[in-house]
Structures are given as structure tokens and as C-alpha cells.
Amino acid sequence: MTAEIHLSTGVVALDAVDADERADFDRHLVDCGACRRELDGFAETTALLAADVAVPPPAGLRANVLAEIRAVRQDPPIVRSGDGRADAPAAADASGTHGGSARPPATTRRWLAAAAVVALVVAAVAVLTLGREPSADDLAAVLAAPDAQTYELVGEDGSTAQVVWSRQEHRAAVVAGDLRQPGDGSTYELWFVAGEVKHPATLFVPDAQGTVGSTFVPPVDDADVLAVTIEPSGGSPQPTGDIVMAAPTA
């Protein structure tokens, strides 16, 4: 039994496995209490999102959402040698980056994507239960897209937000918790930076609890950096403020 099966609770909860994979996982559940508990929690979360019903948030939900998003497991990529064979996973350097440019095997990518999807579905449920009203269908479609990639935007003051980008769906979502207010008469503006060009993507302002959850159409098909500035209400065609959060896309 490989370690990958422990990552499959997400895709099972989303019913994104075939019959053989589900049978393998069910056999694994017989002897794995941790996966049984994890699957039960994921199943409850996805059912709540599908119902699209506002319910009183349980105590500590927002803190749990942030912990779920930041705890998504990440495996180092597989580095391929000159003859095309897969070598051992590359070790991360001191900055947290990995050597090599090859991607992990398709199976591993699918498990990791599922883990990210489930973590962000939890965030989507938090947004709904905390009183905001984004389209649950739009948000769920982005989070569940098979090619969805999650980028963690980080600021020098510790501010964080997550952008989930599905190039296949040509949609993206911005999700955050405990994000400080941009100030009266101001808004956060997200930019997709491609080379020297900064493309305005979307505006967002957190609610009173610092929560953000919305979807938007990316302005370009590719970008080098995702960056956030604080702009006057209504946004700006080009950045006028300093970058407060950013993340590379590669």
C-alpha cells in the first residue's frame, strides 16, 4: 500500500475516483481509522457546500479554515535525469524552493490537487456561513477544477490570501481569512503581472471578520507573479500603491 492512498480522502469525498480506486480505498479504510475520520469530515463539508444553505458557524471555524488551507500537503517534484528516468525527489533549499523543473507523476498531482480542493472547499463553506454571498456554484467549480492551482500570497506584515486559478475553466478565486481592512475609501486590487505588464484582475474588501471569498475571470492566460495593492475604491487601471502581498506562479 503506497502513502498516496492516505491523500485520496479528498477525491473520494468529491466522488472523483473510479470503481477500482474506490474499492482499493474502502479496503484501506478497514484498517485506517485516521482516514475514516478524515473522510467523514470531508464528506460533511462537501455536503454542506452542495446544499448552499446558510447555517450558524461553529466556534473556531475561521481559525480552522486558515489552518486547513495552510496545511495542504506538498510533495517535492521528481527530478528527471538526462536519459528521462525519474530520480529521487529533489530536496528543498533554505528558501523552501525545490530543484528541478519536472512535475510530479500524474497520480501524485491528482492527490495533491484533491487535498488543495478540499481545504479550499472548507474555506468556501466558511465564506457562506459567515454571511457573505458569492455564487456557491462558481466558487465550487473553481475549487474542484482538475487543473486548479493554489498560490499563497504573502505580505511583509504577515497578511496572506490564496488565489486558486483554473486555466481550464478560465476562472479564478481569491480566498482569505483574518485579512485587515484596506482603509476607508480603499480596496484591495489583484494584479496578474506578465513581464513588465500589470493586468488588473479583481477588487476585494474583507468583511468585518477579515474573510474574503469571490471568483473572477483572469485577465490573461498566464502570468509570472500575482500581486495585491491597496487602491482607491473602484480600483485603478495601473497600480498606484505599494505591493502588499505577492506570489510567483512558477
Protein backbone atom coordinates (compact mmCIF):
# COMPACT_ATOMS: atom_id res chain seq x y z
CA MET A 1 0.00 0.00 0.00
CA THR A 2 1.56 3.30 -1.00
CA ALA A 3 1.47 6.51 1.02
CA GLU A 4 -0.59 8.12 -1.75
CA ILE A 5 -3.74 6.35 -0.61
CA HIS A 6 -3.71 8.47 2.56
CA LEU A 7 -4.09 11.54 0.30
CA SER A 8 -7.11 10.14 -1.51
CA THR A 9 -9.75 11.08 1.06
CA GLY A 10 -10.30 14.34 -0.82
CA VAL A 11 -11.06 12.80 -4.19
CA VAL A 12 -13.20 10.12 -2.56
CA ALA A 13 -15.25 12.77 -0.74
CA LEU A 14 -15.69 14.58 -4.06
CA ASP A 15 -16.64 11.28 -5.78
CA ALA A 16 -13.77 11.75 -8.22
CA VAL A 17 -12.45 8.18 -8.26
CA ASP A 18 -13.35 5.21 -10.42
CA ALA A 19 -14.83 1.96 -9.10
CA ASP A 20 -11.48 0.18 -8.74
CA GLU A 21 -9.90 3.09 -6.88
CA ARG A 22 -12.90 3.31 -4.56
CA ALA A 23 -12.70 -0.42 -3.86
CA ASP A 24 -8.99 -0.10 -3.00
CA PHE A 25 -9.72 2.82 -0.72
CA ASP A 26 -12.60 1.01 1.02
CA ARG A 27 -10.27 -1.89 1.78
CA HIS A 28 -7.75 0.58 3.16
CA LEU A 29 -10.41 2.14 5.42
CA VAL A 30 -10.90 -1.14 7.26
CA ASP A 31 -7.53 -0.72 8.99
CA CYS A 32 -7.09 3.08 8.91
CA GLY A 33 -9.11 4.97 11.49
CA ALA A 34 -7.42 8.27 10.61
CA CYS A 35 -8.62 8.09 7.02
CA ARG A 36 -12.13 7.12 8.17
CA ARG A 37 -12.32 10.19 10.38
CA GLU A 38 -10.86 12.43 7.67
CA LEU A 39 -13.31 11.11 5.07
CA ASP A 40 -16.27 11.69 7.40
CA GLY A 41 -15.19 15.29 7.94
CA PHE A 42 -14.64 15.96 4.25
CA ALA A 43 -17.97 14.36 3.34
CA GLU A 44 -19.82 16.61 5.79
CA THR A 45 -18.05 19.69 4.43
CA THR A 46 -18.76 18.97 0.77
CA ALA A 47 -22.38 18.14 1.56
CA LEU A 48 -22.78 21.49 3.30
CA LEU A 49 -21.33 23.35 0.33
CA ALA A 50 -23.57 21.46 -2.10
CA ALA A 51 -26.64 22.35 -0.06
CA ASP A 52 -25.77 26.07 -0.35
CA VAL A 53 -27.54 26.74 2.95
CA ALA A 54 -26.53 29.45 5.41
CA VAL A 55 -26.06 27.97 8.88
CA PRO A 56 -24.68 29.44 12.11
CA PRO A 57 -20.89 28.98 12.02
CA PRO A 58 -19.48 26.74 14.76
CA ALA A 59 -16.99 28.20 17.19
CA GLY A 60 -13.47 28.37 15.81
CA LEU A 61 -14.49 27.78 12.19
CA ARG A 62 -12.49 30.68 10.76
CA ALA A 63 -9.31 29.62 12.55
CA ASN A 64 -9.79 26.05 11.36
CA VAL A 65 -10.25 27.24 7.77
CA LEU A 66 -6.92 29.05 7.80
CA ALA A 67 -5.23 26.02 9.33
CA GLU A 68 -6.73 23.73 6.68
CA ILE A 69 -5.56 25.93 3.80
CA ARG A 70 -2.02 26.25 5.13
CA ALA A 71 -1.76 22.55 6.00
CA VAL A 72 -2.26 21.24 2.45
CA ARG A 73 0.44 18.63 1.96
CA GLN A 74 3.02 19.34 -0.73
CA ASP A 75 5.40 16.75 -2.16
CA PRO A 76 8.73 17.74 -3.76
CA PRO A 77 8.84 17.33 -7.53
CA ILE A 78 10.51 14.43 -9.26
CA VAL A 79 13.73 15.47 -10.98
CA ARG A 80 14.42 13.66 -14.26
CA SER A 81 17.94 12.81 -15.34
CA GLY A 82 19.26 13.41 -18.82
CA ASP A 83 18.06 9.99 -20.04
CA GLY A 84 14.49 10.78 -18.98
CA ARG A 85 14.43 8.49 -15.93
CA ALA A 86 12.86 9.76 -12.71
CA ASP A 87 15.36 10.33 -9.93
CA ALA A 88 14.64 10.79 -6.23
CA PRO A 89 12.56 13.80 -5.18
CA ALA A 90 14.58 17.00 -5.04
CA ALA A 91 15.35 18.38 -1.61
CA ALA A 92 14.10 21.83 -0.73
CA ASP A 93 16.67 24.55 -0.22
CA ALA A 94 16.66 27.05 2.63
CA SER A 95 14.14 29.26 0.89
CA GLY A 96 11.62 26.44 0.58
CA THR A 97 12.01 26.04 -3.16
CA HIS A 98 12.79 22.78 -4.91
CA GLY A 99 15.36 21.94 -7.53
CA GLY A 100 14.43 20.67 -10.99
CA SER A 101 11.66 21.64 -13.34
CA ALA A 102 9.84 18.35 -13.92
CA ARG A 103 6.40 17.84 -12.42
CA PRO A 104 5.39 15.00 -10.06
CA PRO A 105 3.70 11.93 -11.57
CA ALA A 106 0.08 12.37 -12.60
CA THR A 107 -1.25 10.25 -9.74
CA THR A 108 0.60 12.27 -7.12
CA ARG A 109 -0.53 15.53 -8.72
CA ARG A 110 -4.13 14.35 -8.56
CA TRP A 111 -3.93 13.52 -4.86
CA LEU A 112 -2.26 16.86 -4.09
CA ALA A 113 -4.83 18.73 -6.14
CA ALA A 114 -7.61 16.97 -4.28
CA ALA A 115 -6.10 17.91 -0.93
CA ALA A 116 -5.98 21.55 -2.03
CA VAL A 117 -9.54 21.37 -3.32
CA VAL A 118 -10.90 20.02 -0.05
CA ALA A 119 -9.02 22.59 2.01
CA LEU A 120 -10.43 25.37 -0.11
CA VAL A 121 -13.92 23.87 -0.09
CA VAL A 122 -13.70 24.27 3.67
CA ALA A 123 -12.84 27.92 3.08
CA ALA A 124 -15.80 28.27 0.71
CA VAL A 125 -18.14 26.87 3.35
CA ALA A 126 -16.71 29.34 5.85
CA VAL A 127 -17.42 32.21 3.48
CA LEU A 128 -21.02 31.08 3.06
CA THR A 129 -21.64 30.50 6.75
CA LEU A 130 -20.05 33.80 7.75
CA GLY A 131 -22.66 35.73 5.83
CA ARG A 132 -21.06 36.60 2.51
CA GLU A 133 -22.96 35.58 -0.63
CA PRO A 134 -20.66 34.71 -3.53
CA SER A 135 -22.05 32.26 -6.05
CA ALA A 136 -21.52 28.87 -4.46
CA ASP A 137 -21.64 27.18 -7.86
CA ASP A 138 -18.93 29.45 -9.31
CA LEU A 139 -16.71 29.05 -6.28
CA ALA A 140 -17.16 25.28 -6.16
CA ALA A 141 -16.41 24.97 -9.89
CA VAL A 142 -13.08 26.76 -9.50
CA LEU A 143 -12.07 24.82 -6.40
CA ALA A 144 -12.98 21.46 -7.91
CA ALA A 145 -11.41 22.05 -11.34
CA PRO A 146 -8.91 19.25 -12.06
CA ASP A 147 -6.22 21.73 -13.10
CA ALA A 148 -6.77 24.19 -10.23
CA GLN A 149 -3.55 25.59 -8.80
CA THR A 150 -3.31 27.40 -5.47
CA TYR A 151 -0.96 30.33 -4.89
CA GLU A 152 -0.32 31.71 -1.41
CA LEU A 153 0.12 35.48 -1.48
CA VAL A 154 2.16 36.73 1.47
CA GLY A 155 2.84 40.24 2.75
CA GLU A 156 5.66 41.62 4.88
CA ASP A 157 3.16 42.31 7.67
CA GLY A 158 2.06 38.67 7.74
CA SER A 159 -1.06 39.20 5.64
CA THR A 160 -1.99 36.22 3.48
CA ALA A 161 -4.53 35.35 0.81
CA GLN A 162 -4.93 32.42 -1.55
CA VAL A 163 -5.64 32.61 -5.27
CA VAL A 164 -6.97 29.45 -6.90
CA TRP A 165 -6.60 29.52 -10.68
CA SER A 166 -8.15 27.11 -13.16
CA ARG A 167 -6.88 27.80 -16.63
CA GLN A 168 -9.15 25.07 -17.96
CA GLU A 169 -12.27 26.79 -16.59
CA HIS A 170 -10.82 30.26 -17.26
CA ARG A 171 -11.88 31.21 -13.74
CA ALA A 172 -10.08 32.01 -10.52
CA ALA A 173 -10.99 32.63 -6.89
CA VAL A 174 -9.49 34.70 -4.10
CA VAL A 175 -9.92 33.40 -0.55
CA ALA A 176 -8.63 34.89 2.70
CA GLY A 177 -9.27 35.00 6.41
CA ASP A 178 -8.20 37.45 9.12
CA LEU A 179 -7.23 39.96 6.44
CA ARG A 180 -7.01 43.53 7.69
CA GLN A 181 -9.20 46.21 6.17
CA PRO A 182 -7.60 48.27 3.38
CA GLY A 183 -8.84 51.52 4.94
CA ASP A 184 -11.76 53.87 4.36
CA GLY A 185 -12.29 54.65 0.70
CA SER A 186 -9.85 51.93 -0.34
CA THR A 187 -9.93 48.42 -1.78
CA TYR A 188 -7.53 45.59 -2.41
CA GLU A 189 -6.75 45.10 -6.10
CA LEU A 190 -5.25 41.90 -7.51
CA TRP A 191 -2.88 42.11 -10.48
CA PHE A 192 -1.67 39.45 -12.88
CA VAL A 193 1.87 40.51 -13.77
CA ALA A 194 3.21 39.21 -17.10
CA GLY A 195 6.68 40.54 -17.86
CA GLU A 196 6.53 44.29 -17.34
CA VAL A 197 2.75 44.49 -17.81
CA LYS A 198 0.40 44.58 -14.81
CA HIS A 199 -3.12 43.42 -15.66
CA PRO A 200 -5.94 44.38 -13.25
CA ALA A 201 -7.77 41.21 -12.20
CA THR A 202 -10.29 41.85 -9.43
CA LEU A 203 -11.14 44.04 -6.44
CA PHE A 204 -11.92 42.71 -2.97
CA VAL A 205 -12.59 44.01 0.53
CA PRO A 206 -12.77 41.65 3.52
CA ASP A 207 -15.85 41.59 5.71
CA ALA A 208 -15.80 42.54 9.39
CA GLN A 209 -14.19 39.21 10.25
CA GLY A 210 -11.46 39.62 7.63
CA THR A 211 -12.97 36.99 5.33
CA VAL A 212 -12.80 37.09 1.53
CA GLY A 213 -14.28 34.62 -0.96
CA SER A 214 -15.05 35.56 -4.56
CA THR A 215 -14.47 34.42 -8.12
CA PHE A 216 -13.36 36.33 -11.20
CA VAL A 217 -12.25 35.89 -14.80
CA PRO A 218 -8.44 36.10 -15.10
CA PRO A 219 -7.36 38.95 -17.38
CA VAL A 220 -4.66 36.83 -19.09
CA ASP A 221 -3.95 33.15 -19.70
CA ASP A 222 -0.57 33.24 -17.97
CA ALA A 223 1.33 35.40 -15.52
CA ASP A 224 4.69 35.47 -13.78
CA VAL A 225 3.52 36.98 -10.50
CA LEU A 226 0.24 37.57 -8.68
CA ALA A 227 0.34 40.79 -6.66
CA VAL A 228 -2.03 42.83 -4.50
CA THR A 229 -2.01 46.57 -3.91
CA ILE A 230 -4.30 48.91 -1.99
CA GLU A 231 -6.11 51.26 -4.35
CA PRO A 232 -8.89 53.87 -4.13
CA SER A 233 -12.42 52.43 -4.13
CA GLY A 234 -13.34 51.41 -7.65
CA GLY A 235 -9.79 50.31 -8.41
CA SER A 236 -7.11 51.68 -10.70
CA PRO A 237 -6.11 50.83 -14.28
CA GLN A 238 -2.50 50.58 -13.08
CA PRO A 239 -1.10 50.20 -9.55
CA THR A 240 -0.78 53.40 -7.54
CA GLY A 241 0.03 51.80 -4.18
CA ASP A 242 2.83 49.57 -2.97
CA ILE A 243 2.53 45.80 -3.30
CA VAL A 244 1.20 44.43 0.00
CA MET A 245 1.04 40.73 -0.95
CA ALA A 246 2.54 38.72 -3.79
CA ALA A 247 3.32 35.23 -5.04
CA PRO A 248 5.24 33.88 -8.04
CA THR A 249 3.36 31.45 -10.25
CA ALA A 250 6.35 29.25 -11.01
